[in-house]
Amino acid sequence: MKNKGFTLMELLGSITILALIALIVFPAILNMLGDSQSKIDKAKQDYVISAAREYVKDNDLEVNTTISIDVDILIKKNYLKENMIDEEMTNDSVTCTKIDGTITYKYNEESD
């Protein structure tokens, strides 16, 4: 009679190899997910800065030194779509600073 199947040693060896592969791959996957989330957050901040830039341009706002534009205002004035940003971002702001004729924009997170 011919034996079909694996021996106990073959099964244990296979499980050990799979466990080692999982130990190597799992941290790498977690790291990639963390990097992806930070890239998403940065893209959302750039989206808010772009909306603030349009808000300043459309409303002919005078930026003499520094002004602050709340994200909530950008949403209410339809420069941002609320579903495109995280809910906790609605309390953040963008600081517009004019230095030597050039306006710079900086995203500011709300301090807890």
C-alpha atoms as a PDB file:
ATOM      1  CA  MET A   1       0.000   0.000   0.000  1.00  0.00           C
ATOM      2  CA  LYS A   2       1.361   3.358  -1.027  1.00  0.00           C
ATOM      3  CA  ASN A   3       1.319   6.138   1.622  1.00  0.00           C
ATOM      4  CA  LYS A   4      -0.237   9.356   0.434  1.00  0.00           C
ATOM      5  CA  GLY A   5       0.269  12.558   2.347  1.00  0.00           C
ATOM      6  CA  PHE A   6       2.965  14.205   4.381  1.00  0.00           C
ATOM      7  CA  THR A   7       4.861  12.981   7.388  1.00  0.00           C
ATOM      8  CA  LEU A   8       4.726  14.866  10.655  1.00  0.00           C
ATOM      9  CA  MET A   9       8.265  16.184  10.110  1.00  0.00           C
ATOM     10  CA  GLU A  10       7.400  17.498   6.651  1.00  0.00           C
ATOM     11  CA  LEU A  11       4.345  19.299   8.037  1.00  0.00           C
ATOM     12  CA  LEU A  12       6.320  20.816  10.924  1.00  0.00           C
ATOM     13  CA  GLY A  13       9.049  21.932   8.527  1.00  0.00           C
ATOM     14  CA  SER A  14       6.522  23.573   6.226  1.00  0.00           C
ATOM     15  CA  ILE A  15       4.816  25.359   9.115  1.00  0.00           C
ATOM     16  CA  THR A  16       8.188  26.584  10.419  1.00  0.00           C
ATOM     17  CA  ILE A  17       9.161  27.966   7.018  1.00  0.00           C
ATOM     18  CA  LEU A  18       5.791  29.717   6.655  1.00  0.00           C
ATOM     19  CA  ALA A  19       6.138  31.214  10.140  1.00  0.00           C
ATOM     20  CA  LEU A  20       9.604  32.565   9.309  1.00  0.00           C
ATOM     21  CA  ILE A  21       8.334  34.114   6.091  1.00  0.00           C
ATOM     22  CA  ALA A  22       5.444  35.727   8.007  1.00  0.00           C
ATOM     23  CA  LEU A  23       7.874  37.141  10.593  1.00  0.00           C
ATOM     24  CA  ILE A  24       9.884  38.776   7.834  1.00  0.00           C
ATOM     25  CA  VAL A  25       6.987  40.043   5.699  1.00  0.00           C
ATOM     26  CA  PHE A  26       4.562  41.256   8.393  1.00  0.00           C
ATOM     27  CA  PRO A  27       6.711  44.175   9.705  1.00  0.00           C
ATOM     28  CA  ALA A  28       7.448  45.274   6.150  1.00  0.00           C
ATOM     29  CA  ILE A  29       3.719  45.396   5.351  1.00  0.00           C
ATOM     30  CA  LEU A  30       2.992  47.396   8.516  1.00  0.00           C
ATOM     31  CA  ASN A  31       5.761  49.827   7.595  1.00  0.00           C
ATOM     32  CA  MET A  32       4.337  50.294   4.099  1.00  0.00           C
ATOM     33  CA  LEU A  33       0.868  50.960   5.537  1.00  0.00           C
ATOM     34  CA  GLY A  34       2.280  53.589   7.900  1.00  0.00           C
ATOM     35  CA  ASP A  35       4.136  55.294   5.049  1.00  0.00           C
ATOM     36  CA  SER A  36       0.987  55.281   2.943  1.00  0.00           C
ATOM     37  CA  GLN A  37      -1.023  56.960   5.696  1.00  0.00           C
ATOM     38  CA  SER A  38       1.558  59.735   6.124  1.00  0.00           C
ATOM     39  CA  LYS A  39       1.524  60.330   2.346  1.00  0.00           C
ATOM     40  CA  ILE A  40      -2.282  60.550   2.419  1.00  0.00           C
ATOM     41  CA  ASP A  41      -2.148  63.065   5.288  1.00  0.00           C
ATOM     42  CA  LYS A  42       0.413  65.181   3.399  1.00  0.00           C
ATOM     43  CA  ALA A  43      -1.750  65.121   0.256  1.00  0.00           C
ATOM     44  CA  LYS A  44      -4.779  66.281   2.261  1.00  0.00           C
ATOM     45  CA  GLN A  45      -2.746  69.130   3.752  1.00  0.00           C
ATOM     46  CA  ASP A  46      -1.599  70.153   0.264  1.00  0.00           C
ATOM     47  CA  TYR A  47      -5.247  70.100  -0.834  1.00  0.00           C
ATOM     48  CA  VAL A  48      -6.161  72.487   2.001  1.00  0.00           C
ATOM     49  CA  ILE A  49      -3.236  74.797   1.159  1.00  0.00           C
ATOM     50  CA  SER A  50      -4.339  74.868  -2.476  1.00  0.00           C
ATOM     51  CA  ALA A  51      -7.864  75.820  -1.397  1.00  0.00           C
ATOM     52  CA  ALA A  52      -6.480  78.595   0.824  1.00  0.00           C
ATOM     53  CA  ARG A  53      -4.409  79.895  -2.092  1.00  0.00           C
ATOM     54  CA  GLU A  54      -7.558  80.045  -4.247  1.00  0.00           C
ATOM     55  CA  TYR A  55      -9.501  81.720  -1.422  1.00  0.00           C
ATOM     56  CA  VAL A  56      -6.886  84.480  -1.113  1.00  0.00           C
ATOM     57  CA  LYS A  57      -6.778  84.949  -4.889  1.00  0.00           C
ATOM     58  CA  ASP A  58     -10.556  84.964  -5.441  1.00  0.00           C
ATOM     59  CA  ASN A  59     -11.297  87.356  -2.586  1.00  0.00           C
ATOM     60  CA  ASP A  60      -8.402  89.730  -3.338  1.00  0.00           C
ATOM     61  CA  LEU A  61      -7.257  89.478   0.254  1.00  0.00           C
ATOM     62  CA  GLU A  62      -4.425  91.769   1.203  1.00  0.00           C
ATOM     63  CA  VAL A  63      -1.667  89.804   2.850  1.00  0.00           C
ATOM     64  CA  ASN A  64       0.451  92.548   4.363  1.00  0.00           C
ATOM     65  CA  THR A  65       2.307  90.402   6.871  1.00  0.00           C
ATOM     66  CA  THR A  66       0.415  87.323   8.091  1.00  0.00           C
ATOM     67  CA  ILE A  67      -3.175  86.126   7.985  1.00  0.00           C
ATOM     68  CA  SER A  68      -4.723  82.879   9.125  1.00  0.00           C
ATOM     69  CA  ILE A  69      -7.481  81.068   7.264  1.00  0.00           C
ATOM     70  CA  ASP A  70      -9.455  78.400   9.090  1.00  0.00           C
ATOM     71  CA  VAL A  71     -10.232  75.157   7.284  1.00  0.00           C
ATOM     72  CA  ASP A  72     -13.817  75.472   8.499  1.00  0.00           C
ATOM     73  CA  ILE A  73     -14.172  78.741   6.566  1.00  0.00           C
ATOM     74  CA  LEU A  74     -12.811  77.113   3.412  1.00  0.00           C
ATOM     75  CA  ILE A  75     -15.462  74.413   3.754  1.00  0.00           C
ATOM     76  CA  LYS A  76     -18.287  76.908   4.351  1.00  0.00           C
ATOM     77  CA  LYS A  77     -17.206  78.991   1.335  1.00  0.00           C
ATOM     78  CA  ASN A  78     -17.085  75.826  -0.843  1.00  0.00           C
ATOM     79  CA  TYR A  79     -13.344  75.903  -1.453  1.00  0.00           C
ATOM     80  CA  LEU A  80     -13.061  72.480   0.173  1.00  0.00           C
ATOM     81  CA  LYS A  81     -15.287  69.461   0.068  1.00  0.00           C
ATOM     82  CA  GLU A  82     -15.824  68.181   3.571  1.00  0.00           C
ATOM     83  CA  ASN A  83     -15.697  64.550   2.478  1.00  0.00           C
ATOM     84  CA  MET A  84     -12.172  65.054   1.059  1.00  0.00           C
ATOM     85  CA  ILE A  85     -10.580  65.787   4.443  1.00  0.00           C
ATOM     86  CA  ASP A  86     -10.648  64.230   7.880  1.00  0.00           C
ATOM     87  CA  GLU A  87     -13.148  65.551  10.404  1.00  0.00           C
ATOM     88  CA  GLU A  88     -10.423  66.573  12.859  1.00  0.00           C
ATOM     89  CA  MET A  89      -8.871  68.789  10.163  1.00  0.00           C
ATOM     90  CA  THR A  90     -11.817  71.216  10.333  1.00  0.00           C
ATOM     91  CA  ASN A  91     -10.234  72.913  13.366  1.00  0.00           C
ATOM     92  CA  ASP A  92      -6.883  73.436  11.601  1.00  0.00           C
ATOM     93  CA  SER A  93      -5.781  76.524   9.688  1.00  0.00           C
ATOM     94  CA  VAL A  94      -3.463  77.798   6.978  1.00  0.00           C
ATOM     95  CA  THR A  95      -1.113  80.691   7.687  1.00  0.00           C
ATOM     96  CA  CYS A  96      -0.406  83.009   4.761  1.00  0.00           C
ATOM     97  CA  THR A  97       2.741  85.087   5.175  1.00  0.00           C
ATOM     98  CA  LYS A  98       4.043  87.733   2.795  1.00  0.00           C
ATOM     99  CA  ILE A  99       7.815  88.085   2.689  1.00  0.00           C
ATOM    100  CA  ASP A 100       9.505  90.251   0.049  1.00  0.00           C
ATOM    101  CA  GLY A 101       6.401  90.226  -2.149  1.00  0.00           C
ATOM    102  CA  THR A 102       6.022  86.445  -2.070  1.00  0.00           C
ATOM    103  CA  ILE A 103       3.166  84.785  -0.196  1.00  0.00           C
ATOM    104  CA  THR A 104       3.975  81.499   1.522  1.00  0.00           C
ATOM    105  CA  TYR A 105       1.364  79.098   2.862  1.00  0.00           C
ATOM    106  CA  LYS A 106       1.823  76.841   5.869  1.00  0.00           C
ATOM    107  CA  TYR A 107      -0.601  74.249   7.193  1.00  0.00           C
ATOM    108  CA  ASN A 108      -1.151  74.455  10.970  1.00  0.00           C
ATOM    109  CA  GLU A 109      -2.632  71.603  12.950  1.00  0.00           C
ATOM    110  CA  GLU A 110      -4.766  72.418  15.965  1.00  0.00           C
ATOM    111  CA  SER A 111      -2.876  71.991  19.211  1.00  0.00           C
ATOM    112  CA  ASP A 112      -4.470  69.719  21.770  1.00  0.00           C
END
